[in-house]
Amino acid sequence: MANEWPLWEVFIRSQHGLAHKHVGSLHAADPEMAIRNARDVYTRRNEGVSIWAVRSSDVVASSPGDKEALFEPANSKIYRHPTFFPMPEEVKHL
């Protein structure tokens, strides 16, 4: 529909988290409305400390069909794995 508000992807950072997590989508006319609506819909119990709202049309994502081309080359680079580096005896519980 031509008169439909844009779709926004909503990410919430919880009080005990360090990262924002995708919680859902909603329609809103502008960024301010997207944040207000996200607060009302996704943080009813005061569980969030930060809200991100991103227009769905601005999100760029890979396709599951591209998985092999994107992630397989890393498997041949053993230096990217933590087992490649020796750990000093002084370092515990890492």
PDB file of N, CA and C in Angstrom:
ATOM      1  N   MET A   1       0.827  -1.195   0.000  1.00  0.00           N
ATOM      2  CA  MET A   1       0.000   0.000   0.000  1.00  0.00           C
ATOM      3  C   MET A   1       0.867   1.253   0.000  1.00  0.00           C
ATOM      4  N   ALA A   2       0.461   2.240  -0.718  1.00  0.00           N
ATOM      5  CA  ALA A   2       1.233   3.464  -0.828  1.00  0.00           C
ATOM      6  C   ALA A   2       1.197   4.289   0.462  1.00  0.00           C
ATOM      7  N   ASN A   3       0.114   4.202   1.233  1.00  0.00           N
ATOM      8  CA  ASN A   3      -0.025   5.008   2.448  1.00  0.00           C
ATOM      9  C   ASN A   3       0.427   4.283   3.712  1.00  0.00           C
ATOM     10  N   GLU A   4       1.008   3.114   3.587  1.00  0.00           N
ATOM     11  CA  GLU A   4       1.423   2.355   4.762  1.00  0.00           C
ATOM     12  C   GLU A   4       2.717   2.922   5.338  1.00  0.00           C
ATOM     13  N   TRP A   5       2.775   3.004   6.656  1.00  0.00           N
ATOM     14  CA  TRP A   5       3.986   3.484   7.327  1.00  0.00           C
ATOM     15  C   TRP A   5       5.107   2.485   7.122  1.00  0.00           C
ATOM     16  N   PRO A   6       6.360   2.956   7.141  1.00  0.00           N
ATOM     17  CA  PRO A   6       7.486   2.037   6.956  1.00  0.00           C
ATOM     18  C   PRO A   6       7.605   1.048   8.122  1.00  0.00           C
ATOM     19  N   LEU A   7       8.216  -0.082   7.814  1.00  0.00           N
ATOM     20  CA  LEU A   7       8.460  -1.117   8.809  1.00  0.00           C
ATOM     21  C   LEU A   7       9.789  -0.842   9.490  1.00  0.00           C
ATOM     22  N   TRP A   8       9.849  -1.011  10.809  1.00  0.00           N
ATOM     23  CA  TRP A   8      11.051  -0.781  11.612  1.00  0.00           C
ATOM     24  C   TRP A   8      11.402  -2.067  12.350  1.00  0.00           C
ATOM     25  N   GLU A   9      12.692  -2.351  12.439  1.00  0.00           N
ATOM     26  CA  GLU A   9      13.185  -3.474  13.242  1.00  0.00           C
ATOM     27  C   GLU A   9      13.592  -2.905  14.603  1.00  0.00           C
ATOM     28  N   VAL A  10      13.189  -3.579  15.665  1.00  0.00           N
ATOM     29  CA  VAL A  10      13.401  -3.071  17.016  1.00  0.00           C
ATOM     30  C   VAL A  10      14.402  -3.953  17.761  1.00  0.00           C
ATOM     31  N   PHE A  11      15.373  -3.292  18.395  1.00  0.00           N
ATOM     32  CA  PHE A  11      16.395  -3.963  19.197  1.00  0.00           C
ATOM     33  C   PHE A  11      16.363  -3.358  20.595  1.00  0.00           C
ATOM     34  N   ILE A  12      16.389  -4.214  21.617  1.00  0.00           N
ATOM     35  CA  ILE A  12      16.348  -3.763  23.009  1.00  0.00           C
ATOM     36  C   ILE A  12      17.599  -4.247  23.729  1.00  0.00           C
ATOM     37  N   ARG A  13      18.170  -3.383  24.540  1.00  0.00           N
ATOM     38  CA  ARG A  13      19.251  -3.784  25.442  1.00  0.00           C
ATOM     39  C   ARG A  13      18.642  -3.916  26.824  1.00  0.00           C
ATOM     40  N   SER A  14      18.755  -5.092  27.404  1.00  0.00           N
ATOM     41  CA  SER A  14      18.160  -5.336  28.716  1.00  0.00           C
ATOM     42  C   SER A  14      19.013  -4.712  29.811  1.00  0.00           C
ATOM     43  N   GLN A  15      18.442  -4.623  31.000  1.00  0.00           N
ATOM     44  CA  GLN A  15      19.160  -4.036  32.132  1.00  0.00           C
ATOM     45  C   GLN A  15      20.416  -4.818  32.482  1.00  0.00           C
ATOM     46  N   HIS A  16      20.415  -6.111  32.204  1.00  0.00           N
ATOM     47  CA  HIS A  16      21.550  -6.949  32.575  1.00  0.00           C
ATOM     48  C   HIS A  16      22.386  -7.383  31.373  1.00  0.00           C
ATOM     49  N   GLY A  17      22.109  -6.814  30.216  1.00  0.00           N
ATOM     50  CA  GLY A  17      22.836  -7.218  29.017  1.00  0.00           C
ATOM     51  C   GLY A  17      23.777  -6.145  28.526  1.00  0.00           C
ATOM     52  N   LEU A  18      24.708  -6.576  27.678  1.00  0.00           N
ATOM     53  CA  LEU A  18      25.648  -5.632  27.083  1.00  0.00           C
ATOM     54  C   LEU A  18      25.330  -5.372  25.619  1.00  0.00           C
ATOM     55  N   ALA A  19      24.518  -6.234  25.022  1.00  0.00           N
ATOM     56  CA  ALA A  19      24.223  -6.117  23.594  1.00  0.00           C
ATOM     57  C   ALA A  19      22.720  -5.927  23.373  1.00  0.00           C
ATOM     58  N   HIS A  20      22.396  -5.238  22.302  1.00  0.00           N
ATOM     59  CA  HIS A  20      21.003  -5.114  21.896  1.00  0.00           C
ATOM     60  C   HIS A  20      20.579  -6.406  21.196  1.00  0.00           C
ATOM     61  N   LYS A  21      19.347  -6.829  21.412  1.00  0.00           N
ATOM     62  CA  LYS A  21      18.817  -8.035  20.774  1.00  0.00           C
ATOM     63  C   LYS A  21      17.552  -7.680  20.007  1.00  0.00           C
ATOM     64  N   HIS A  22      17.426  -8.289  18.841  1.00  0.00           N
ATOM     65  CA  HIS A  22      16.242  -8.057  18.027  1.00  0.00           C
ATOM     66  C   HIS A  22      15.030  -8.652  18.729  1.00  0.00           C
ATOM     67  N   VAL A  23      13.982  -7.835  18.901  1.00  0.00           N
ATOM     68  CA  VAL A  23      12.788  -8.298  19.597  1.00  0.00           C
ATOM     69  C   VAL A  23      11.557  -8.325  18.707  1.00  0.00           C
ATOM     70  N   GLY A  24      11.609  -7.668  17.553  1.00  0.00           N
ATOM     71  CA  GLY A  24      10.457  -7.680  16.669  1.00  0.00           C
ATOM     72  C   GLY A  24      10.454  -6.509  15.713  1.00  0.00           C
ATOM     73  N   SER A  25       9.307  -6.333  15.082  1.00  0.00           N
ATOM     74  CA  SER A  25       9.135  -5.298  14.070  1.00  0.00           C
ATOM     75  C   SER A  25       7.851  -4.536  14.341  1.00  0.00           C
ATOM     76  N   LEU A  26       7.786  -3.322  13.837  1.00  0.00           N
ATOM     77  CA  LEU A  26       6.548  -2.543  13.934  1.00  0.00           C
ATOM     78  C   LEU A  26       6.532  -1.490  12.841  1.00  0.00           C
ATOM     79  N   HIS A  27       5.357  -0.956  12.583  1.00  0.00           N
ATOM     80  CA  HIS A  27       5.198   0.127  11.615  1.00  0.00           C
ATOM     81  C   HIS A  27       5.127   1.450  12.368  1.00  0.00           C
ATOM     82  N   ALA A  28       5.774   2.475  11.844  1.00  0.00           N
ATOM     83  CA  ALA A  28       5.732   3.812  12.439  1.00  0.00           C
ATOM     84  C   ALA A  28       5.998   4.841  11.355  1.00  0.00           C
ATOM     85  N   ALA A  29       5.472   6.046  11.575  1.00  0.00           N
ATOM     86  CA  ALA A  29       5.605   7.107  10.575  1.00  0.00           C
ATOM     87  C   ALA A  29       7.003   7.715  10.545  1.00  0.00           C
ATOM     88  N   ASP A  30       7.682   7.762  11.711  1.00  0.00           N
ATOM     89  CA  ASP A  30       8.996   8.396  11.779  1.00  0.00           C
ATOM     90  C   ASP A  30       9.802   7.760  12.908  1.00  0.00           C
ATOM     91  N   PRO A  31      11.099   8.119  13.043  1.00  0.00           N
ATOM     92  CA  PRO A  31      11.942   7.499  14.074  1.00  0.00           C
ATOM     93  C   PRO A  31      11.430   7.696  15.504  1.00  0.00           C
ATOM     94  N   GLU A  32      10.939   8.897  15.808  1.00  0.00           N
ATOM     95  CA  GLU A  32      10.451   9.157  17.160  1.00  0.00           C
ATOM     96  C   GLU A  32       9.256   8.262  17.498  1.00  0.00           C
ATOM     97  N   MET A  33       8.338   8.118  16.552  1.00  0.00           N
ATOM     98  CA  MET A  33       7.185   7.253  16.766  1.00  0.00           C
ATOM     99  C   MET A  33       7.621   5.797  16.895  1.00  0.00           C
ATOM    100  N   ALA A  34       8.626   5.406  16.131  1.00  0.00           N
ATOM    101  CA  ALA A  34       9.126   4.029  16.203  1.00  0.00           C
ATOM    102  C   ALA A  34       9.669   3.734  17.602  1.00  0.00           C
ATOM    103  N   ILE A  35      10.430   4.665  18.179  1.00  0.00           N
ATOM    104  CA  ILE A  35      10.976   4.473  19.523  1.00  0.00           C
ATOM    105  C   ILE A  35       9.847   4.433  20.554  1.00  0.00           C
ATOM    106  N   ARG A  36       8.909   5.358  20.468  1.00  0.00           N
ATOM    107  CA  ARG A  36       7.786   5.373  21.427  1.00  0.00           C
ATOM    108  C   ARG A  36       6.968   4.092  21.338  1.00  0.00           C
ATOM    109  N   ASN A  37       6.648   3.679  20.116  1.00  0.00           N
ATOM    110  CA  ASN A  37       5.862   2.460  19.952  1.00  0.00           C
ATOM    111  C   ASN A  37       6.631   1.230  20.415  1.00  0.00           C
ATOM    112  N   ALA A  38       7.940   1.205  20.139  1.00  0.00           N
ATOM    113  CA  ALA A  38       8.771   0.080  20.585  1.00  0.00           C
ATOM    114  C   ALA A  38       8.785   0.005  22.103  1.00  0.00           C
ATOM    115  N   ARG A  39       8.907   1.159  22.752  1.00  0.00           N
ATOM    116  CA  ARG A  39       8.867   1.187  24.215  1.00  0.00           C
ATOM    117  C   ARG A  39       7.540   0.618  24.728  1.00  0.00           C
ATOM    118  N   ASP A  40       6.441   1.047  24.120  1.00  0.00           N
ATOM    119  CA  ASP A  40       5.121   0.600  24.573  1.00  0.00           C
ATOM    120  C   ASP A  40       4.882  -0.883  24.317  1.00  0.00           C
ATOM    121  N   VAL A  41       5.376  -1.383  23.198  1.00  0.00           N
ATOM    122  CA  VAL A  41       5.114  -2.765  22.818  1.00  0.00           C
ATOM    123  C   VAL A  41       6.110  -3.749  23.429  1.00  0.00           C
ATOM    124  N   TYR A  42       7.386  -3.390  23.455  1.00  0.00           N
ATOM    125  CA  TYR A  42       8.430  -4.363  23.803  1.00  0.00           C
ATOM    126  C   TYR A  42       9.075  -4.172  25.174  1.00  0.00           C
ATOM    127  N   THR A  43       8.743  -3.100  25.893  1.00  0.00           N
ATOM    128  CA  THR A  43       9.335  -2.912  27.227  1.00  0.00           C
ATOM    129  C   THR A  43       8.258  -2.577  28.252  1.00  0.00           C
ATOM    130  N   ARG A  44       7.206  -3.336  28.289  1.00  0.00           N
ATOM    131  CA  ARG A  44       6.090  -3.052  29.199  1.00  0.00           C
ATOM    132  C   ARG A  44       6.451  -3.237  30.671  1.00  0.00           C
ATOM    133  N   ARG A  45       7.431  -4.061  30.949  1.00  0.00           N
ATOM    134  CA  ARG A  45       7.790  -4.347  32.335  1.00  0.00           C
ATOM    135  C   ARG A  45       9.099  -3.672  32.741  1.00  0.00           C
ATOM    136  N   ASN A  46       9.433  -2.582  32.071  1.00  0.00           N
ATOM    137  CA  ASN A  46      10.618  -1.798  32.404  1.00  0.00           C
ATOM    138  C   ASN A  46      11.908  -2.617  32.320  1.00  0.00           C
ATOM    139  N   GLU A  47      11.963  -3.562  31.366  1.00  0.00           N
ATOM    140  CA  GLU A  47      13.143  -4.422  31.269  1.00  0.00           C
ATOM    141  C   GLU A  47      14.253  -3.863  30.390  1.00  0.00           C
ATOM    142  N   GLY A  48      14.016  -2.789  29.687  1.00  0.00           N
ATOM    143  CA  GLY A  48      15.033  -2.275  28.778  1.00  0.00           C
ATOM    144  C   GLY A  48      15.722  -1.029  29.295  1.00  0.00           C
ATOM    145  N   VAL A  49      16.947  -0.806  28.814  1.00  0.00           N
ATOM    146  CA  VAL A  49      17.669   0.428  29.126  1.00  0.00           C
ATOM    147  C   VAL A  49      17.987   1.221  27.857  1.00  0.00           C
ATOM    148  N   SER A  50      17.815   0.581  26.701  1.00  0.00           N
ATOM    149  CA  SER A  50      18.108   1.257  25.443  1.00  0.00           C
ATOM    150  C   SER A  50      17.304   0.595  24.328  1.00  0.00           C
ATOM    151  N   ILE A  51      16.821   1.412  23.408  1.00  0.00           N
ATOM    152  CA  ILE A  51      16.046   0.920  22.258  1.00  0.00           C
ATOM    153  C   ILE A  51      16.689   1.432  20.982  1.00  0.00           C
ATOM    154  N   TRP A  52      16.869   0.528  20.035  1.00  0.00           N
ATOM    155  CA  TRP A  52      17.261   0.902  18.682  1.00  0.00           C
ATOM    156  C   TRP A  52      16.080   0.590  17.767  1.00  0.00           C
ATOM    157  N   ALA A  53      15.763   1.503  16.869  1.00  0.00           N
ATOM    158  CA  ALA A  53      14.771   1.269  15.829  1.00  0.00           C
ATOM    159  C   ALA A  53      15.424   1.580  14.488  1.00  0.00           C
ATOM    160  N   VAL A  54      15.427   0.609  13.602  1.00  0.00           N
ATOM    161  CA  VAL A  54      16.093   0.730  12.311  1.00  0.00           C
ATOM    162  C   VAL A  54      15.079   0.413  11.216  1.00  0.00           C
ATOM    163  N   ARG A  55      14.998   1.280  10.224  1.00  0.00           N
ATOM    164  CA  ARG A  55      14.088   0.973   9.109  1.00  0.00           C
ATOM    165  C   ARG A  55      14.487  -0.356   8.485  1.00  0.00           C
ATOM    166  N   SER A  56      13.523  -1.214   8.299  1.00  0.00           N
ATOM    167  CA  SER A  56      13.797  -2.524   7.702  1.00  0.00           C
ATOM    168  C   SER A  56      14.458  -2.391   6.349  1.00  0.00           C
ATOM    169  N   SER A  57      14.101  -1.361   5.604  1.00  0.00           N
ATOM    170  CA  SER A  57      14.680  -1.170   4.269  1.00  0.00           C
ATOM    171  C   SER A  57      16.163  -0.815   4.330  1.00  0.00           C
ATOM    172  N   ASP A  58      16.655  -0.388   5.506  1.00  0.00           N
ATOM    173  CA  ASP A  58      18.069  -0.042   5.659  1.00  0.00           C
ATOM    174  C   ASP A  58      18.917  -1.202   6.158  1.00  0.00           C
ATOM    175  N   VAL A  59      18.293  -2.304   6.503  1.00  0.00           N
ATOM    176  CA  VAL A  59      19.035  -3.466   6.987  1.00  0.00           C
ATOM    177  C   VAL A  59      19.559  -4.250   5.793  1.00  0.00           C
ATOM    178  N   VAL A  60      20.848  -4.545   5.832  1.00  0.00           N
ATOM    179  CA  VAL A  60      21.475  -5.337   4.783  1.00  0.00           C
ATOM    180  C   VAL A  60      21.875  -6.664   5.414  1.00  0.00           C
ATOM    181  N   ALA A  61      21.516  -7.760   4.779  1.00  0.00           N
ATOM    182  CA  ALA A  61      21.795  -9.072   5.353  1.00  0.00           C
ATOM    183  C   ALA A  61      22.290 -10.027   4.282  1.00  0.00           C
ATOM    184  N   SER A  62      23.059 -10.990   4.724  1.00  0.00           N
ATOM    185  CA  SER A  62      23.488 -12.043   3.808  1.00  0.00           C
ATOM    186  C   SER A  62      22.360 -13.063   3.675  1.00  0.00           C
ATOM    187  N   SER A  63      22.467 -13.885   2.685  1.00  0.00           N
ATOM    188  CA  SER A  63      21.494 -14.946   2.451  1.00  0.00           C
ATOM    189  C   SER A  63      22.032 -16.246   3.028  1.00  0.00           C
ATOM    190  N   PRO A  64      21.166 -17.091   3.606  1.00  0.00           N
ATOM    191  CA  PRO A  64      21.649 -18.390   4.082  1.00  0.00           C
ATOM    192  C   PRO A  64      22.353 -19.187   2.986  1.00  0.00           C
ATOM    193  N   GLY A  65      21.999 -18.943   1.744  1.00  0.00           N
ATOM    194  CA  GLY A  65      22.653 -19.616   0.634  1.00  0.00           C
ATOM    195  C   GLY A  65      24.104 -19.188   0.447  1.00  0.00           C
ATOM    196  N   ASP A  66      24.476 -18.051   1.017  1.00  0.00           N
ATOM    197  CA  ASP A  66      25.852 -17.551   0.928  1.00  0.00           C
ATOM    198  C   ASP A  66      26.724 -18.029   2.084  1.00  0.00           C
ATOM    199  N   LYS A  67      26.186 -18.868   2.946  1.00  0.00           N
ATOM    200  CA  LYS A  67      26.892 -19.297   4.151  1.00  0.00           C
ATOM    201  C   LYS A  67      28.282 -19.861   3.843  1.00  0.00           C
ATOM    202  N   GLU A  68      28.351 -20.752   2.888  1.00  0.00           N
ATOM    203  CA  GLU A  68      29.630 -21.399   2.589  1.00  0.00           C
ATOM    204  C   GLU A  68      30.678 -20.388   2.121  1.00  0.00           C
ATOM    205  N   ALA A  69      30.309 -19.533   1.214  1.00  0.00           N
ATOM    206  CA  ALA A  69      31.264 -18.549   0.681  1.00  0.00           C
ATOM    207  C   ALA A  69      31.710 -17.555   1.754  1.00  0.00           C
ATOM    208  N   LEU A  70      30.814 -17.214   2.685  1.00  0.00           N
ATOM    209  CA  LEU A  70      31.149 -16.233   3.713  1.00  0.00           C
ATOM    210  C   LEU A  70      31.950 -16.812   4.872  1.00  0.00           C
ATOM    211  N   PHE A  71      31.616 -18.022   5.305  1.00  0.00           N
ATOM    212  CA  PHE A  71      32.163 -18.523   6.562  1.00  0.00           C
ATOM    213  C   PHE A  71      33.166 -19.657   6.435  1.00  0.00           C
ATOM    214  N   GLU A  72      33.149 -20.396   5.357  1.00  0.00           N
ATOM    215  CA  GLU A  72      34.075 -21.516   5.209  1.00  0.00           C
ATOM    216  C   GLU A  72      35.543 -21.098   5.140  1.00  0.00           C
ATOM    217  N   PRO A  73      35.890 -19.986   4.499  1.00  0.00           N
ATOM    218  CA  PRO A  73      37.316 -19.617   4.450  1.00  0.00           C
ATOM    219  C   PRO A  73      37.951 -19.472   5.841  1.00  0.00           C
ATOM    220  N   ALA A  74      37.184 -19.108   6.848  1.00  0.00           N
ATOM    221  CA  ALA A  74      37.733 -18.945   8.202  1.00  0.00           C
ATOM    222  C   ALA A  74      38.180 -20.269   8.796  1.00  0.00           C
ATOM    223  N   ASN A  75      37.606 -21.381   8.383  1.00  0.00           N
ATOM    224  CA  ASN A  75      37.974 -22.678   8.937  1.00  0.00           C
ATOM    225  C   ASN A  75      39.412 -23.060   8.592  1.00  0.00           C
ATOM    226  N   SER A  76      39.930 -22.564   7.500  1.00  0.00           N
ATOM    227  CA  SER A  76      41.300 -22.900   7.106  1.00  0.00           C
ATOM    228  C   SER A  76      42.339 -21.967   7.740  1.00  0.00           C
ATOM    229  N   LYS A  77      41.903 -21.001   8.514  1.00  0.00           N
ATOM    230  CA  LYS A  77      42.805 -20.044   9.153  1.00  0.00           C
ATOM    231  C   LYS A  77      42.861 -20.345  10.646  1.00  0.00           C
ATOM    232  N   ILE A  78      43.688 -21.322  11.003  1.00  0.00           N
ATOM    233  CA  ILE A  78      43.692 -21.789  12.386  1.00  0.00           C
ATOM    234  C   ILE A  78      44.129 -20.725  13.377  1.00  0.00           C
ATOM    235  N   TYR A  79      44.867 -19.737  12.907  1.00  0.00           N
ATOM    236  CA  TYR A  79      45.309 -18.686  13.816  1.00  0.00           C
ATOM    237  C   TYR A  79      44.146 -17.858  14.345  1.00  0.00           C
ATOM    238  N   ARG A  80      42.972 -17.979  13.756  1.00  0.00           N
ATOM    239  CA  ARG A  80      41.795 -17.260  14.247  1.00  0.00           C
ATOM    240  C   ARG A  80      41.129 -17.974  15.414  1.00  0.00           C
ATOM    241  N   HIS A  81      41.521 -19.192  15.672  1.00  0.00           N
ATOM    242  CA  HIS A  81      40.939 -19.946  16.773  1.00  0.00           C
ATOM    243  C   HIS A  81      41.775 -19.739  18.032  1.00  0.00           C
ATOM    244  N   PRO A  82      41.151 -19.635  19.194  1.00  0.00           N
ATOM    245  CA  PRO A  82      41.910 -19.365  20.417  1.00  0.00           C
ATOM    246  C   PRO A  82      42.881 -20.482  20.789  1.00  0.00           C
ATOM    247  N   THR A  83      42.716 -21.671  20.246  1.00  0.00           N
ATOM    248  CA  THR A  83      43.617 -22.772  20.578  1.00  0.00           C
ATOM    249  C   THR A  83      44.991 -22.587  19.953  1.00  0.00           C
ATOM    250  N   PHE A  84      45.129 -21.676  19.023  1.00  0.00           N
ATOM    251  CA  PHE A  84      46.405 -21.428  18.359  1.00  0.00           C
ATOM    252  C   PHE A  84      47.394 -20.715  19.288  1.00  0.00           C
ATOM    253  N   PHE A  85      46.854 -19.937  20.239  1.00  0.00           N
ATOM    254  CA  PHE A  85      47.697 -19.137  21.115  1.00  0.00           C
ATOM    255  C   PHE A  85      47.920 -19.852  22.443  1.00  0.00           C
ATOM    256  N   PRO A  86      49.173 -19.964  22.864  1.00  0.00           N
ATOM    257  CA  PRO A  86      49.421 -20.574  24.179  1.00  0.00           C
ATOM    258  C   PRO A  86      48.967 -19.631  25.292  1.00  0.00           C
ATOM    259  N   MET A  87      48.356 -20.193  26.320  1.00  0.00           N
ATOM    260  CA  MET A  87      47.884 -19.399  27.446  1.00  0.00           C
ATOM    261  C   MET A  87      48.896 -19.461  28.585  1.00  0.00           C
ATOM    262  N   PRO A  88      49.277 -18.339  29.157  1.00  0.00           N
ATOM    263  CA  PRO A  88      50.185 -18.350  30.302  1.00  0.00           C
ATOM    264  C   PRO A  88      49.524 -19.036  31.498  1.00  0.00           C
ATOM    265  N   GLU A  89      50.321 -19.636  32.313  1.00  0.00           N
ATOM    266  CA  GLU A  89      49.820 -20.332  33.499  1.00  0.00           C
ATOM    267  C   GLU A  89      49.084 -19.383  34.442  1.00  0.00           C
ATOM    268  N   GLU A  90      49.474 -18.099  34.448  1.00  0.00           N
ATOM    269  CA  GLU A  90      48.872 -17.134  35.360  1.00  0.00           C
ATOM    270  C   GLU A  90      47.409 -16.836  35.024  1.00  0.00           C
ATOM    271  N   VAL A  91      47.030 -17.092  33.793  1.00  0.00           N
ATOM    272  CA  VAL A  91      45.665 -16.794  33.351  1.00  0.00           C
ATOM    273  C   VAL A  91      44.775 -17.990  33.691  1.00  0.00           C
ATOM    274  N   LYS A  92      43.798 -17.751  34.513  1.00  0.00           N
ATOM    275  CA  LYS A  92      42.864 -18.800  34.923  1.00  0.00           C
ATOM    276  C   LYS A  92      41.451 -18.467  34.435  1.00  0.00           C
ATOM    277  N   HIS A  93      40.690 -19.463  34.155  1.00  0.00           N
ATOM    278  CA  HIS A  93      39.254 -19.334  33.857  1.00  0.00           C
ATOM    279  C   HIS A  93      38.975 -18.385  32.703  1.00  0.00           C
ATOM    280  N   LEU A  94      39.684 -18.522  31.637  1.00  0.00           N
ATOM    281  CA  LEU A  94      39.427 -17.667  30.482  1.00  0.00           C
ATOM    282  C   LEU A  94      38.615 -18.390  29.475  1.00  0.00           C
TER     283      LEU A  94
END
